[in-house]
C-alpha atoms as a PDB file:
ATOM      1  CA  MET A   1      20.372   4.516  -9.078  1.00  0.00           C
ATOM      2  CA  ASN A   2      18.211   6.062 -12.406  1.00  0.00           C
ATOM      3  CA  GLU A   3      21.066   4.890 -14.734  1.00  0.00           C
ATOM      4  CA  SER A   4      20.572   1.003 -14.488  1.00  0.00           C
ATOM      5  CA  LEU A   5      16.592   1.824 -14.659  1.00  0.00           C
ATOM      6  CA  ASP A   6      14.264   1.727 -18.311  1.00  0.00           C
ATOM      7  CA  PHE A   7      11.987   4.524 -18.497  1.00  0.00           C
ATOM      8  CA  PRO A   8       9.207   4.745 -18.605  1.00  0.00           C
ATOM      9  CA  LEU A   9       8.605   3.171 -15.428  1.00  0.00           C
ATOM     10  CA  HIS A  10       5.235   1.210 -15.412  1.00  0.00           C
ATOM     11  CA  SER A  11       3.014   0.324 -12.105  1.00  0.00           C
ATOM     12  CA  ALA A  12       5.214   2.963  -9.777  1.00  0.00           C
ATOM     13  CA  PHE A  13       3.629   4.226  -6.319  1.00  0.00           C
ATOM     14  CA  LEU A  14       4.110   5.826  -3.519  1.00  0.00           C
ATOM     15  CA  ALA A  15       3.521   4.475  -0.228  1.00  0.00           C
ATOM     16  CA  LEU A  16       3.703   3.820   3.869  1.00  0.00           C
ATOM     17  CA  PRO A  17       5.659   0.417   4.262  1.00  0.00           C
ATOM     18  CA  LEU A  18       4.821  -2.494   6.380  1.00  0.00           C
ATOM     19  CA  GLU A  19       8.287  -2.734   8.553  1.00  0.00           C
ATOM     20  CA  GLY A  20       8.488  -4.251  11.989  1.00  0.00           C
ATOM     21  CA  GLU A  21       5.886  -6.137  14.347  1.00  0.00           C
ATOM     22  CA  ALA A  22       3.528  -4.424  11.319  1.00  0.00           C
ATOM     23  CA  LYS A  23       4.743  -6.621   8.449  1.00  0.00           C
ATOM     24  CA  LYS A  24       4.227  -9.849  10.875  1.00  0.00           C
ATOM     25  CA  LYS A  25       1.304  -9.637  11.483  1.00  0.00           C
ATOM     26  CA  PHE A  26       0.431  -9.025   8.062  1.00  0.00           C
ATOM     27  CA  LEU A  27       2.410 -12.107   7.264  1.00  0.00           C
ATOM     28  CA  GLN A  28       0.027 -13.705  10.391  1.00  0.00           C
ATOM     29  CA  LEU A  29      -3.097 -12.792   8.405  1.00  0.00           C
ATOM     30  CA  ARG A  30      -1.839 -13.734   4.938  1.00  0.00           C
ATOM     31  CA  MET A  31      -0.400 -16.972   6.604  1.00  0.00           C
ATOM     32  CA  LYS A  32      -4.408 -17.473   6.956  1.00  0.00           C
ATOM     33  CA  LEU A  33      -5.411 -17.194   3.497  1.00  0.00           C
ATOM     34  CA  GLU A  34      -2.639 -19.176   1.971  1.00  0.00           C
ATOM     35  CA  GLU A  35      -5.603 -22.196   1.217  1.00  0.00           C
ATOM     36  CA  GLU A  36      -7.366 -19.427  -1.035  1.00  0.00           C
ATOM     37  CA  GLN A  37      -5.325 -19.056  -3.340  1.00  0.00           C
ATOM     38  CA  HIS A  38      -7.662 -20.397  -5.553  1.00  0.00           C
ATOM     39  CA  CYS A  39     -10.105 -17.304  -5.564  1.00  0.00           C
ATOM     40  CA  LEU A  40      -7.292 -14.860  -4.207  1.00  0.00           C
ATOM     41  CA  SER A  41      -3.899 -13.680  -5.743  1.00  0.00           C
ATOM     42  CA  LEU A  42      -1.916 -12.560  -2.651  1.00  0.00           C
ATOM     43  CA  GLN A  43      -0.143  -9.690  -1.943  1.00  0.00           C
ATOM     44  CA  GLN A  44       3.589 -10.204  -1.975  1.00  0.00           C
ATOM     45  CA  PRO A  45       4.762 -10.474   0.768  1.00  0.00           C
ATOM     46  CA  ASP A  46       8.288  -8.698   1.001  1.00  0.00           C
ATOM     47  CA  THR A  47       6.558  -6.079  -0.365  1.00  0.00           C
ATOM     48  CA  PRO A  48       2.812  -4.996   2.166  1.00  0.00           C
ATOM     49  CA  HIS A  49       2.119  -1.356   1.704  1.00  0.00           C
ATOM     50  CA  LEU A  50       0.026   1.292   2.194  1.00  0.00           C
ATOM     51  CA  THR A  51      -0.072   3.428  -1.393  1.00  0.00           C
ATOM     52  CA  ILE A  52      -0.027   6.552  -1.341  1.00  0.00           C
ATOM     53  CA  GLN A  53      -0.048   7.970  -4.237  1.00  0.00           C
ATOM     54  CA  TYR A  54       0.425   5.793  -7.690  1.00  0.00           C
ATOM     55  CA  TRP A  55       0.944   6.507 -11.031  1.00  0.00           C
ATOM     56  CA  ALA A  56       0.574   3.825 -14.323  1.00  0.00           C
ATOM     57  CA  GLN A  57       3.882   5.200 -16.172  1.00  0.00           C
ATOM     58  CA  VAL A  58       6.691   7.696 -15.070  1.00  0.00           C
ATOM     59  CA  THR A  59       9.209   8.913 -17.549  1.00  0.00           C
ATOM     60  CA  GLN A  60      13.329   9.754 -16.397  1.00  0.00           C
ATOM     61  CA  GLY A  61      11.867  13.461 -16.044  1.00  0.00           C
ATOM     62  CA  GLU A  62       8.476  12.626 -14.053  1.00  0.00           C
ATOM     63  CA  TYR A  63      10.907  10.060 -11.994  1.00  0.00           C
ATOM     64  CA  ASP A  64      13.294  13.112 -10.791  1.00  0.00           C
ATOM     65  CA  ALA A  65      10.180  15.202 -10.170  1.00  0.00           C
ATOM     66  CA  ILE A  66       8.398  12.400  -8.108  1.00  0.00           C
ATOM     67  CA  LEU A  67      12.141  11.888  -5.950  1.00  0.00           C
ATOM     68  CA  GLU A  68      12.325  16.101  -5.009  1.00  0.00           C
ATOM     69  CA  GLN A  69       8.737  16.542  -3.860  1.00  0.00           C
ATOM     70  CA  THR A  70       8.682  13.347  -1.625  1.00  0.00           C
ATOM     71  CA  ARG A  71      11.427  14.943  -0.256  1.00  0.00           C
ATOM     72  CA  VAL A  72      10.255  17.956   0.177  1.00  0.00           C
ATOM     73  CA  LEU A  73       6.341  16.564   1.312  1.00  0.00           C
ATOM     74  CA  VAL A  74       8.416  14.563   4.515  1.00  0.00           C
ATOM     75  CA  GLU A  75      10.774  17.798   5.300  1.00  0.00           C
ATOM     76  CA  ASN A  76       8.041  18.369   7.950  1.00  0.00           C
ATOM     77  CA  ILE A  77       5.865  14.955   8.900  1.00  0.00           C
ATOM     78  CA  GLN A  78       6.421  13.696  11.983  1.00  0.00           C
ATOM     79  CA  PRO A  79       7.160   9.648  11.813  1.00  0.00           C
ATOM     80  CA  PHE A  80       3.326   8.780  13.898  1.00  0.00           C
ATOM     81  CA  MET A  81       1.155   5.926  14.245  1.00  0.00           C
ATOM     82  CA  LEU A  82      -1.373   3.901  11.835  1.00  0.00           C
ATOM     83  CA  GLN A  83      -3.839   1.001  13.067  1.00  0.00           C
ATOM     84  CA  THR A  84      -6.576  -1.098  10.927  1.00  0.00           C
ATOM     85  CA  LYS A  85      -9.959  -1.663  11.056  1.00  0.00           C
ATOM     86  CA  GLN A  86     -11.917  -4.224   9.347  1.00  0.00           C
ATOM     87  CA  PHE A  87     -11.135  -6.083   5.984  1.00  0.00           C
ATOM     88  CA  ASN A  88     -13.036  -4.929   3.615  1.00  0.00           C
ATOM     89  CA  THR A  89     -13.764  -5.363  -0.625  1.00  0.00           C
ATOM     90  CA  PHE A  90     -13.709  -2.990  -3.266  1.00  0.00           C
ATOM     91  CA  SER A  91     -16.052  -4.355  -5.988  1.00  0.00           C
ATOM     92  CA  SER A  92     -15.834  -3.695 -10.016  1.00  0.00           C
ATOM     93  CA  HIS A  93     -18.452  -3.730 -11.939  1.00  0.00           C
ATOM     94  CA  ASP A  94     -20.518  -5.314  -9.056  1.00  0.00           C
ATOM     95  CA  LYS A  95     -17.715  -7.606  -8.735  1.00  0.00           C
ATOM     96  CA  GLU A  96     -15.852  -7.728  -6.153  1.00  0.00           C
ATOM     97  CA  ASN A  97     -11.763  -7.658  -6.824  1.00  0.00           C
ATOM     98  CA  VAL A  98     -10.114  -6.396  -3.872  1.00  0.00           C
ATOM     99  CA  LEU A  99      -9.150  -7.806  -0.490  1.00  0.00           C
ATOM    100  CA  PHE A 100      -8.011  -4.753   1.628  1.00  0.00           C
ATOM    101  CA  PHE A 101      -7.977  -3.586   5.476  1.00  0.00           C
ATOM    102  CA  ASP A 102      -9.369  -0.533   6.183  1.00  0.00           C
ATOM    103  CA  VAL A 103      -6.434   2.319   8.245  1.00  0.00           C
ATOM    104  CA  LYS A 104      -8.369   4.331  11.032  1.00  0.00           C
ATOM    105  CA  LYS A 105      -8.791   7.837   9.773  1.00  0.00           C
ATOM    106  CA  SER A 106      -5.626   9.636  11.182  1.00  0.00           C
ATOM    107  CA  GLN A 107      -5.026  13.678  10.757  1.00  0.00           C
ATOM    108  CA  GLU A 108      -1.643  12.755   9.703  1.00  0.00           C
ATOM    109  CA  LEU A 109      -2.681  10.913   6.514  1.00  0.00           C
ATOM    110  CA  ASP A 110      -5.088  13.287   5.724  1.00  0.00           C
ATOM    111  CA  HIS A 111      -2.265  16.233   5.869  1.00  0.00           C
ATOM    112  CA  ILE A 112      -0.299  14.989   3.693  1.00  0.00           C
ATOM    113  CA  ILE A 113      -2.640  13.982   0.915  1.00  0.00           C
ATOM    114  CA  GLU A 114      -3.521  17.230   1.605  1.00  0.00           C
ATOM    115  CA  GLU A 115      -0.033  17.702   0.942  1.00  0.00           C
ATOM    116  CA  SER A 116       0.741  15.678  -1.348  1.00  0.00           C
ATOM    117  CA  PRO A 117       1.674  17.555  -4.952  1.00  0.00           C
ATOM    118  CA  TRP A 118      -0.360  14.767  -7.039  1.00  0.00           C
ATOM    119  CA  GLU A 119      -3.444  14.099  -8.023  1.00  0.00           C
ATOM    120  CA  GLN A 120      -5.593  12.137  -6.479  1.00  0.00           C
ATOM    121  CA  MET A 121      -6.401   9.088  -9.254  1.00  0.00           C
ATOM    122  CA  TYR A 122      -9.414   7.924  -6.446  1.00  0.00           C
ATOM    123  CA  LYS A 123     -11.110  10.396  -4.594  1.00  0.00           C
ATOM    124  CA  PRO A 124     -11.816   9.876  -2.003  1.00  0.00           C
ATOM    125  CA  PHE A 125      -8.601   8.933  -0.802  1.00  0.00           C
ATOM    126  CA  HIS A 126      -9.547   5.441   1.159  1.00  0.00           C
ATOM    127  CA  PRO A 127      -7.066   4.554   2.957  1.00  0.00           C
ATOM    128  CA  HIS A 128      -5.941   0.647   2.972  1.00  0.00           C
ATOM    129  CA  VAL A 129      -3.711  -2.008   2.302  1.00  0.00           C
ATOM    130  CA  THR A 130      -4.404  -4.937   0.021  1.00  0.00           C
ATOM    131  CA  LEU A 131      -4.147  -8.099   1.377  1.00  0.00           C
ATOM    132  CA  ALA A 132      -4.846  -9.614  -1.649  1.00  0.00           C
ATOM    133  CA  ARG A 133      -7.007  -9.590  -5.957  1.00  0.00           C
ATOM    134  CA  ILE A 134      -9.856 -11.022  -5.409  1.00  0.00           C
ATOM    135  CA  LYS A 135      -9.530 -13.277  -8.964  1.00  0.00           C
ATOM    136  CA  ASP A 136     -11.811 -15.197  -8.421  1.00  0.00           C
ATOM    137  CA  ALA A 137     -15.176 -13.651  -7.210  1.00  0.00           C
ATOM    138  CA  GLU A 138     -17.372 -16.282  -7.811  1.00  0.00           C
ATOM    139  CA  ARG A 139     -15.386 -18.033  -5.362  1.00  0.00           C
ATOM    140  CA  PHE A 140     -14.800 -16.112  -3.188  1.00  0.00           C
ATOM    141  CA  THR A 141     -17.859 -15.275  -2.665  1.00  0.00           C
ATOM    142  CA  GLU A 142     -19.002 -18.773  -1.770  1.00  0.00           C
ATOM    143  CA  LYS A 143     -16.086 -18.476   1.055  1.00  0.00           C
ATOM    144  CA  LYS A 144     -16.478 -14.507   1.820  1.00  0.00           C
ATOM    145  CA  ALA A 145     -17.966 -15.677   5.685  1.00  0.00           C
ATOM    146  CA  GLU A 146     -15.303 -18.222   6.507  1.00  0.00           C
ATOM    147  CA  ILE A 147     -12.368 -15.517   5.025  1.00  0.00           C
ATOM    148  CA  PHE A 148     -13.851 -12.841   6.826  1.00  0.00           C
ATOM    149  CA  GLU A 149     -14.623 -14.912   9.857  1.00  0.00           C
ATOM    150  CA  ARG A 150     -10.400 -16.067   9.666  1.00  0.00           C
ATOM    151  CA  LEU A 151      -9.392 -12.733   9.861  1.00  0.00           C
ATOM    152  CA  ARG A 152     -11.792 -10.881  12.513  1.00  0.00           C
ATOM    153  CA  ASP A 153      -8.422 -10.308  14.150  1.00  0.00           C
ATOM    154  CA  CYS A 154      -7.170  -8.077  12.779  1.00  0.00           C
ATOM    155  CA  GLN A 155      -6.492  -4.342  14.534  1.00  0.00           C
ATOM    156  CA  PHE A 156      -2.738  -3.799  14.504  1.00  0.00           C
ATOM    157  CA  ASP A 157      -0.825  -0.317  14.794  1.00  0.00           C
ATOM    158  CA  ILE A 158       1.245   0.521  11.971  1.00  0.00           C
ATOM    159  CA  PRO A 159       4.098   2.725  13.394  1.00  0.00           C
ATOM    160  CA  VAL A 160       4.405   4.821  10.104  1.00  0.00           C
ATOM    161  CA  ASP A 161       8.790   7.013   9.863  1.00  0.00           C
ATOM    162  CA  ARG A 162       9.375   6.001   5.916  1.00  0.00           C
ATOM    163  CA  PHE A 163       7.818   6.596   2.515  1.00  0.00           C
ATOM    164  CA  ARG A 164       9.216   4.302  -0.576  1.00  0.00           C
ATOM    165  CA  PHE A 165       8.626   4.735  -3.931  1.00  0.00           C
ATOM    166  CA  TYR A 166       8.345   1.113  -6.424  1.00  0.00           C
ATOM    167  CA  ALA A 167       7.924   0.154  -9.733  1.00  0.00           C
ATOM    168  CA  LEU A 168       7.338  -2.747 -12.304  1.00  0.00           C
ATOM    169  CA  VAL A 169      11.505  -3.198 -12.953  1.00  0.00           C
ATOM    170  CA  ASP A 170      13.179  -6.414 -14.846  1.00  0.00           C
ATOM    171  CA  GLY A 171       9.415  -7.692 -14.952  1.00  0.00           C
ATOM    172  CA  ILE A 172       9.174  -7.467 -10.883  1.00  0.00           C
ATOM    173  CA  HIS A 173       6.144  -5.872  -9.671  1.00  0.00           C
ATOM    174  CA  GLN A 174       6.899  -3.638  -6.134  1.00  0.00           C
ATOM    175  CA  THR A 175      10.287  -3.433  -6.944  1.00  0.00           C
ATOM    176  CA  PRO A 176      12.043  -0.860  -4.019  1.00  0.00           C
ATOM    177  CA  LEU A 177      13.696   2.091  -5.508  1.00  0.00           C
ATOM    178  CA  ASN A 178      13.686   4.372  -3.094  1.00  0.00           C
ATOM    179  CA  THR A 179      12.996   4.541   0.400  1.00  0.00           C
ATOM    180  CA  PHE A 180      12.503   8.559   2.581  1.00  0.00           C
ATOM    181  CA  ALA A 181      13.372   8.384   6.177  1.00  0.00           C
ATOM    182  CA  LEU A 182      11.113  11.028   7.785  1.00  0.00           C
ATOM    183  CA  PRO A 183      12.805  12.490   9.997  1.00  0.00           C
ATOM    184  CA  MET A 184      12.792  12.328  13.726  1.00  0.00           C
ATOM    185  CA  GLY A 185      10.605  14.555  16.626  1.00  0.00           C
ATOM    186  CA  GLU A 186      12.850  16.156  19.370  1.00  0.00           C
ATOM    187  CA  ASP A 187      12.723  14.723  22.664  1.00  0.00           C
END
């Protein structure tokens, strides 16, 4: 596929995609925020995910290396389960800018981060699934208690059976480019 890609790629990342029931639950929670688009920019409905690694820019050589490193990384990872916790926000310059739900601590996820060959951009790694970017912090603050009340029932399982590489392609953010299935466990 990389013959048709324009390099360097921008806004590229490796993630654990939400599929099946986890994606349905994510979409239900997202729908609870539809009327808040005056202060929130909602995550795209077709690509909910938990980011493992982000790259602002990737050359063709780096892209090829990332694909090979990911193939090696997933060889010994068995499918596992993550679970969401409560909602929270990230802040920058004392303004909340991201609404997300936390993911419970997981030995499997910790192992993936430890074994990944890439330098983590944010330390310590904070596993989360973004629901929305906050585009108007003042309006969000006014509605925060109400929003969090609407989202209080957010615990659900996230089966992890694949990694996916995404990038900005032809002006479309979060375009899926490669999927890496985890080997199935032995019964």
